[in-house]
N, C-alpha and C. Protein backbone atom coordinates (compact mmCIF):
# COMPACT_ATOMS: atom_id res chain seq x y z
N UNK A 1 92.70 150.68 92.15
CA UNK A 1 92.27 149.34 92.74
C UNK A 1 93.11 148.17 92.80
N UNK A 2 93.12 147.69 94.01
CA UNK A 2 94.10 146.08 94.10
C UNK A 2 94.03 145.21 93.87
N UNK A 3 94.72 144.35 93.36
CA UNK A 3 94.70 143.14 93.37
C UNK A 3 93.29 142.22 94.04
N UNK A 4 92.72 141.62 93.83
CA UNK A 4 91.90 140.84 94.41
C UNK A 4 92.05 139.96 95.18
N UNK A 5 92.18 139.36 96.24
CA UNK A 5 92.92 138.63 97.13
C UNK A 5 92.42 137.42 96.64
N UNK A 6 93.43 136.48 96.78
CA UNK A 6 93.10 134.78 95.73
C UNK A 6 92.45 133.89 96.95
N UNK A 7 92.44 134.05 98.66
CA UNK A 7 91.68 133.01 99.17
C UNK A 7 90.12 133.45 99.19
N UNK A 8 89.72 134.31 98.25
CA UNK A 8 87.99 134.54 98.36
C UNK A 8 88.08 133.64 96.61
N UNK A 9 87.20 132.33 96.68
CA UNK A 9 86.84 132.08 95.36
C UNK A 9 85.12 132.92 95.12
N UNK A 10 85.14 132.13 93.67
CA UNK A 10 83.47 132.88 92.45
C UNK A 10 82.51 132.29 93.95
N UNK A 11 82.72 131.21 94.73
CA UNK A 11 81.13 131.16 95.27
C UNK A 11 81.27 131.86 96.67
N UNK A 12 81.90 132.48 97.15
CA UNK A 12 82.07 133.13 98.04
C UNK A 12 81.14 135.23 97.40
N UNK A 13 80.73 135.54 98.86
CA UNK A 13 79.91 136.73 98.51
C UNK A 13 78.54 136.46 98.65
N UNK A 14 77.85 137.55 97.81
CA UNK A 14 76.52 138.29 97.80
C UNK A 14 75.99 137.84 96.44
N UNK A 15 74.24 137.11 96.41
CA UNK A 15 74.40 137.48 95.55
C UNK A 15 73.28 138.30 95.20
N UNK A 16 72.40 139.63 93.98
CA UNK A 16 71.86 140.49 94.41
C UNK A 16 70.84 140.55 93.46
N UNK A 17 69.56 140.68 93.24
CA UNK A 17 68.81 140.37 92.02
C UNK A 17 68.14 142.23 92.15
N UNK A 18 67.63 142.71 90.91
CA UNK A 18 66.62 143.62 90.50
C UNK A 18 65.53 143.13 90.88
N UNK A 19 65.04 142.40 90.79
CA UNK A 19 63.65 141.82 91.19
C UNK A 19 63.13 142.19 92.71
N UNK A 20 62.16 142.90 92.88
CA UNK A 20 62.35 143.17 94.51
C UNK A 20 61.44 141.88 95.22
N UNK A 21 60.29 140.97 94.10
CA UNK A 21 59.96 140.27 94.55
C UNK A 21 60.80 138.72 94.96
N UNK A 22 62.12 138.60 93.95
CA UNK A 22 62.58 137.22 94.21
C UNK A 22 63.28 136.77 95.91
N UNK A 23 62.57 135.77 95.53
CA UNK A 23 63.48 134.73 96.41
C UNK A 23 64.76 134.07 96.49
N UNK A 24 65.46 133.49 97.96
CA UNK A 24 66.50 132.83 97.33
C UNK A 24 66.64 132.19 96.51
N UNK A 25 65.04 130.81 96.40
CA UNK A 25 64.55 130.07 95.97
C UNK A 25 65.15 130.08 94.40
N UNK A 26 64.48 131.28 94.44
CA UNK A 26 64.00 131.59 92.73
C UNK A 26 65.43 131.90 91.68
N UNK A 27 66.76 132.35 92.50
CA UNK A 27 67.53 132.89 92.04
C UNK A 27 68.47 131.77 91.70
N UNK A 28 68.69 130.64 92.48
CA UNK A 28 69.07 129.52 91.97
C UNK A 28 68.33 128.15 92.01
N UNK A 29 67.41 128.31 91.16
CA UNK A 29 66.02 127.25 90.58
C UNK A 29 67.10 127.00 89.55
N UNK A 30 67.66 127.09 88.81
CA UNK A 30 67.85 126.58 87.58
C UNK A 30 69.30 125.71 88.05
N UNK A 31 69.92 125.56 89.16
CA UNK A 31 71.13 125.06 89.58
C UNK A 31 71.18 123.63 89.98
N UNK A 32 71.39 122.73 89.83
CA UNK A 32 71.51 121.26 90.36
C UNK A 32 72.21 121.39 91.72
N UNK A 33 71.68 120.59 92.48
CA UNK A 33 71.93 120.48 94.32
C UNK A 33 72.89 119.49 93.86
N UNK A 34 73.32 119.25 95.21
CA UNK A 34 74.43 118.36 95.58
C UNK A 34 74.03 116.89 95.47
N UNK A 35 72.67 116.73 95.63
CA UNK A 35 72.03 115.24 95.95
C UNK A 35 71.96 114.59 94.46
N UNK A 36 72.08 115.77 93.23
CA UNK A 36 71.95 115.41 91.61
C UNK A 36 73.09 114.47 91.29
N UNK A 37 73.09 113.63 90.70
CA UNK A 37 74.60 113.45 90.37
C UNK A 37 74.88 113.23 89.38
N UNK A 38 75.78 113.24 88.43
CA UNK A 38 75.60 112.84 87.79
C UNK A 38 76.42 111.80 86.68
N UNK A 39 75.90 111.38 85.46
CA UNK A 39 76.65 109.64 84.75
C UNK A 39 77.77 110.40 84.74
N UNK A 40 78.63 109.09 84.43
CA UNK A 40 80.21 109.57 84.18
C UNK A 40 79.94 109.93 82.38
N UNK A 41 79.21 109.79 81.76
CA UNK A 41 79.14 109.83 80.27
C UNK A 41 78.76 111.16 79.79
N UNK A 42 78.46 112.16 81.35
CA UNK A 42 77.45 113.24 81.22
C UNK A 42 79.20 114.38 81.06
N UNK A 43 80.17 113.68 81.33
CA UNK A 43 81.40 114.02 81.85
C UNK A 43 82.62 114.14 80.93
N UNK A 44 83.16 115.61 80.18
CA UNK A 44 84.27 115.31 79.64
C UNK A 44 85.89 115.93 80.17
N UNK A 45 86.71 114.94 80.12
CA UNK A 45 87.68 114.93 80.65
C UNK A 45 88.72 115.70 79.67
N UNK A 46 89.52 116.39 79.69
CA UNK A 46 90.86 116.65 78.81
C UNK A 46 92.10 116.25 79.54
N UNK A 47 92.74 115.61 78.35
CA UNK A 47 93.19 114.66 79.07
C UNK A 47 95.24 115.75 78.34
N UNK A 48 95.86 115.74 78.87
CA UNK A 48 97.04 116.78 78.34
C UNK A 48 98.48 116.00 78.41
N UNK A 49 99.41 116.84 77.46
CA UNK A 49 100.88 116.27 77.74
C UNK A 49 101.67 117.70 78.34
N UNK A 50 102.26 117.49 79.25
CA UNK A 50 102.78 118.90 79.54
C UNK A 50 104.43 118.92 79.89
N UNK A 51 105.31 119.79 79.90
CA UNK A 51 106.52 119.55 80.51
C UNK A 51 106.94 120.57 81.54
N UNK A 52 106.04 121.87 81.14
CA UNK A 52 105.65 123.25 81.85
C UNK A 52 106.29 123.10 83.55
N UNK A 53 107.24 123.40 83.85
CA UNK A 53 107.68 123.79 85.29
C UNK A 53 108.15 122.27 85.87
N UNK A 54 108.22 121.41 84.60
CA UNK A 54 108.76 120.15 85.66
C UNK A 54 109.90 119.97 85.42
N UNK A 55 111.10 120.67 85.46
CA UNK A 55 112.33 120.60 84.74
C UNK A 55 112.47 119.74 83.72
N UNK A 56 111.88 119.52 82.38
CA UNK A 56 111.82 119.03 81.40
C UNK A 56 111.07 117.77 81.08
N UNK A 57 110.44 116.87 82.37
CA UNK A 57 109.67 116.12 82.02
C UNK A 57 108.67 115.92 81.89
N UNK A 58 108.57 114.72 81.27
CA UNK A 58 106.70 114.66 80.45
C UNK A 58 106.03 114.29 81.47
N UNK A 59 104.61 114.50 81.79
CA UNK A 59 103.58 114.45 82.80
C UNK A 59 102.32 114.78 81.75
N UNK A 60 101.24 113.46 82.17
CA UNK A 60 100.31 113.32 81.68
C UNK A 60 99.19 114.25 82.56
N UNK A 61 98.06 115.10 81.99
CA UNK A 61 97.23 115.96 83.73
C UNK A 61 96.19 115.67 82.51
N UNK A 62 95.22 115.58 83.75
CA UNK A 62 93.53 114.87 83.61
C UNK A 62 92.82 116.34 84.40
N UNK A 63 92.33 116.66 83.50
CA UNK A 63 91.56 118.24 83.93
C UNK A 63 89.80 118.23 83.74
N UNK A 64 89.15 118.80 84.65
CA UNK A 64 87.81 118.73 84.33
C UNK A 64 86.74 117.90 84.81
N UNK A 65 87.06 117.18 85.93
CA UNK A 65 86.36 116.70 86.68
C UNK A 65 85.74 116.85 87.73
N UNK A 66 83.97 117.20 87.49
CA UNK A 66 83.37 118.22 88.71
C UNK A 66 83.54 117.52 90.48
N UNK A 67 83.90 116.27 90.35
CA UNK A 67 83.17 115.72 91.30
C UNK A 67 84.14 115.92 92.76
N UNK A 68 84.07 115.76 93.92
CA UNK A 68 84.86 116.18 95.09
C UNK A 68 85.86 115.56 95.22
N UNK A 69 86.64 116.30 96.12
CA UNK A 69 88.18 115.48 96.10
C UNK A 69 88.44 114.11 96.45
N UNK A 70 87.35 113.98 97.18
CA UNK A 70 87.53 112.44 97.51
C UNK A 70 87.36 111.62 96.07
N UNK A 71 86.60 111.65 95.52
CA UNK A 71 86.38 110.76 94.02
C UNK A 71 87.18 110.92 93.17
N UNK A 72 87.78 112.56 93.13
CA UNK A 72 89.39 112.23 92.69
C UNK A 72 90.82 111.71 92.75
N UNK A 73 90.38 111.97 94.26
CA UNK A 73 91.77 110.87 94.59
C UNK A 73 91.44 109.35 94.56
N UNK A 74 90.03 108.88 94.32
CA UNK A 74 90.32 107.50 94.43
C UNK A 74 90.51 107.31 92.21
N UNK A 75 89.59 108.36 91.52
CA UNK A 75 90.11 108.16 90.13
C UNK A 75 91.71 108.17 89.98
N UNK A 76 92.06 109.27 90.79
CA UNK A 76 93.46 108.88 90.57
C UNK A 76 94.15 107.79 90.84
N UNK A 77 93.93 107.27 91.99
CA UNK A 77 94.60 106.03 92.61
C UNK A 77 93.94 104.91 91.68
N UNK A 78 92.96 104.99 90.87
CA UNK A 78 92.84 104.01 89.87
C UNK A 78 94.05 103.51 88.18
N UNK A 79 93.79 105.33 88.04
CA UNK A 79 94.88 105.74 86.64
C UNK A 79 95.83 105.03 87.12
N UNK A 80 96.55 105.63 88.26
CA UNK A 80 97.81 105.13 89.24
C UNK A 80 98.39 103.72 88.50
N UNK A 81 97.33 102.90 89.49
CA UNK A 81 97.71 101.89 89.62
C UNK A 81 97.26 100.73 88.29
N UNK A 82 96.65 101.27 86.82
CA UNK A 82 96.39 100.83 86.00
C UNK A 82 97.42 101.38 85.31
N UNK A 83 97.88 102.32 84.66
CA UNK A 83 98.99 102.62 84.10
C UNK A 83 100.43 102.37 84.46
N UNK A 84 100.50 101.74 85.87
CA UNK A 84 101.46 101.56 86.79
C UNK A 84 102.55 102.58 87.06
N UNK A 85 102.44 103.98 87.12
CA UNK A 85 103.02 105.40 87.83
C UNK A 85 102.99 106.20 88.65
N UNK A 86 103.43 106.97 88.62
CA UNK A 86 102.95 107.33 90.09
C UNK A 86 102.31 108.66 90.00
N UNK A 87 101.97 109.67 90.62
CA UNK A 87 101.07 110.61 90.60
C UNK A 87 100.88 111.20 91.83
N UNK A 88 99.87 112.33 91.02
CA UNK A 88 99.43 113.21 93.02
C UNK A 88 98.01 113.91 92.27
N UNK A 89 97.40 114.45 93.05
CA UNK A 89 95.69 114.97 92.82
C UNK A 89 96.73 116.22 93.15
N UNK A 90 96.18 117.52 92.76
CA UNK A 90 96.52 119.01 92.85
C UNK A 90 95.72 119.79 92.41
N UNK A 91 94.59 120.88 92.95
CA UNK A 91 94.02 122.00 92.63
C UNK A 91 92.95 121.27 91.90
N UNK A 92 92.07 120.24 91.66
CA UNK A 92 91.22 119.38 90.65
C UNK A 92 91.92 119.32 89.58
N UNK A 93 92.79 119.02 89.37
CA UNK A 93 93.83 117.96 88.80
C UNK A 93 94.26 116.77 88.82
N UNK A 94 94.54 115.72 88.23
CA UNK A 94 95.27 114.61 88.09
C UNK A 94 96.63 114.89 87.19
N UNK A 95 98.11 114.36 87.99
CA UNK A 95 98.78 114.53 87.61
C UNK A 95 99.59 113.20 87.69
N UNK A 96 99.99 112.67 86.19
CA UNK A 96 100.35 111.16 86.60
C UNK A 96 101.90 111.63 85.85
N UNK A 97 102.45 110.70 85.84
CA UNK A 97 104.11 110.84 85.58
C UNK A 97 104.23 109.90 84.42
N UNK A 98 105.06 110.56 83.49
CA UNK A 98 104.95 109.86 81.96
C UNK A 98 103.98 110.62 80.97
N UNK A 99 104.90 109.81 80.06
CA UNK A 99 103.35 110.23 78.80
C UNK A 99 102.38 109.11 78.33
N UNK A 100 101.56 108.53 79.50
CA UNK A 100 100.71 107.74 78.70
C UNK A 100 99.40 107.88 78.75
N UNK A 101 99.37 109.10 77.73
CA UNK A 101 97.88 110.30 77.95
C UNK A 101 97.04 108.70 77.07
N UNK A 102 97.69 107.93 75.79
CA UNK A 102 96.59 106.67 75.12
C UNK A 102 96.16 105.90 76.46
N UNK A 103 96.95 105.20 77.13
CA UNK A 103 96.20 104.47 78.41
C UNK A 103 95.54 105.19 79.21
N UNK A 104 95.73 106.29 79.39
CA UNK A 104 94.73 107.26 80.51
C UNK A 104 93.30 107.26 79.55
N UNK A 105 93.42 107.67 78.03
CA UNK A 105 92.01 107.75 77.21
C UNK A 105 91.46 106.49 77.08
N UNK A 106 91.73 105.38 77.52
CA UNK A 106 91.22 104.42 76.89
C UNK A 106 90.74 103.66 78.53
N UNK A 107 91.25 104.04 79.28
CA UNK A 107 90.35 103.67 80.21
C UNK A 107 89.83 104.69 80.83
N UNK A 108 89.79 106.01 80.54
CA UNK A 108 88.57 106.84 81.35
C UNK A 108 87.46 105.99 80.48
N UNK A 109 87.57 106.15 78.92
CA UNK A 109 86.51 105.27 78.22
C UNK A 109 86.03 104.41 78.26
N UNK A 110 86.88 103.02 78.95
CA UNK A 110 86.26 102.40 79.58
C UNK A 110 85.09 102.42 80.79
N UNK A 111 85.53 103.54 81.16
CA UNK A 111 84.71 103.56 82.71
C UNK A 111 83.71 104.44 82.45
N UNK A 112 83.21 104.71 81.13
CA UNK A 112 82.25 105.58 80.65
C UNK A 112 82.66 107.13 80.40
N UNK A 113 83.82 107.99 80.88
CA UNK A 113 83.87 109.54 80.79
C UNK A 113 84.20 109.48 79.19
N UNK A 114 83.78 110.69 78.77
CA UNK A 114 83.86 111.51 77.39
C UNK A 114 85.43 112.12 77.34
N UNK A 115 86.18 111.49 76.40
CA UNK A 115 88.03 112.08 76.29
C UNK A 115 87.73 113.32 75.22
N UNK A 116 88.90 114.32 75.98
CA UNK A 116 88.77 115.16 74.98
C UNK A 116 90.66 115.24 74.84
N UNK A 117 91.55 114.67 73.82
CA UNK A 117 92.98 114.86 73.77
C UNK A 117 93.05 116.46 73.42
N UNK A 118 93.76 117.34 74.40
CA UNK A 118 94.50 118.04 74.42
C UNK A 118 95.75 118.34 74.09
N UNK A 119 96.48 118.91 73.09
CA UNK A 119 97.70 119.31 73.03
C UNK A 119 98.41 118.55 72.07
N UNK A 120 99.33 118.80 71.16
CA UNK A 120 100.72 117.82 70.37
C UNK A 120 99.90 116.21 70.88
């Protein structure tokens, strides 16, 4: 068996049911629709410190935001401005330059997010 292609995501493909009377709506009845929004207090963001792959430079990563790319970019812009550092959004993660974990955690908590300190 070959490796699975990286261009396919977990959202691609078919959904099968062994129930002969199941309908499409029955299969996805328990899932949230896009129009249902979650409040910030329902979201837990992990705040990491990382040096890996950055030539020994320290970076702060914020992981776990379930929103759209636009929401993630807006949050990153607010965090960069608040902390006074550079940064970017990549692969659903916010990367900020430098060790600004404490500032980030306090700012996110002020916005109503739950935060989790991960790593050293």
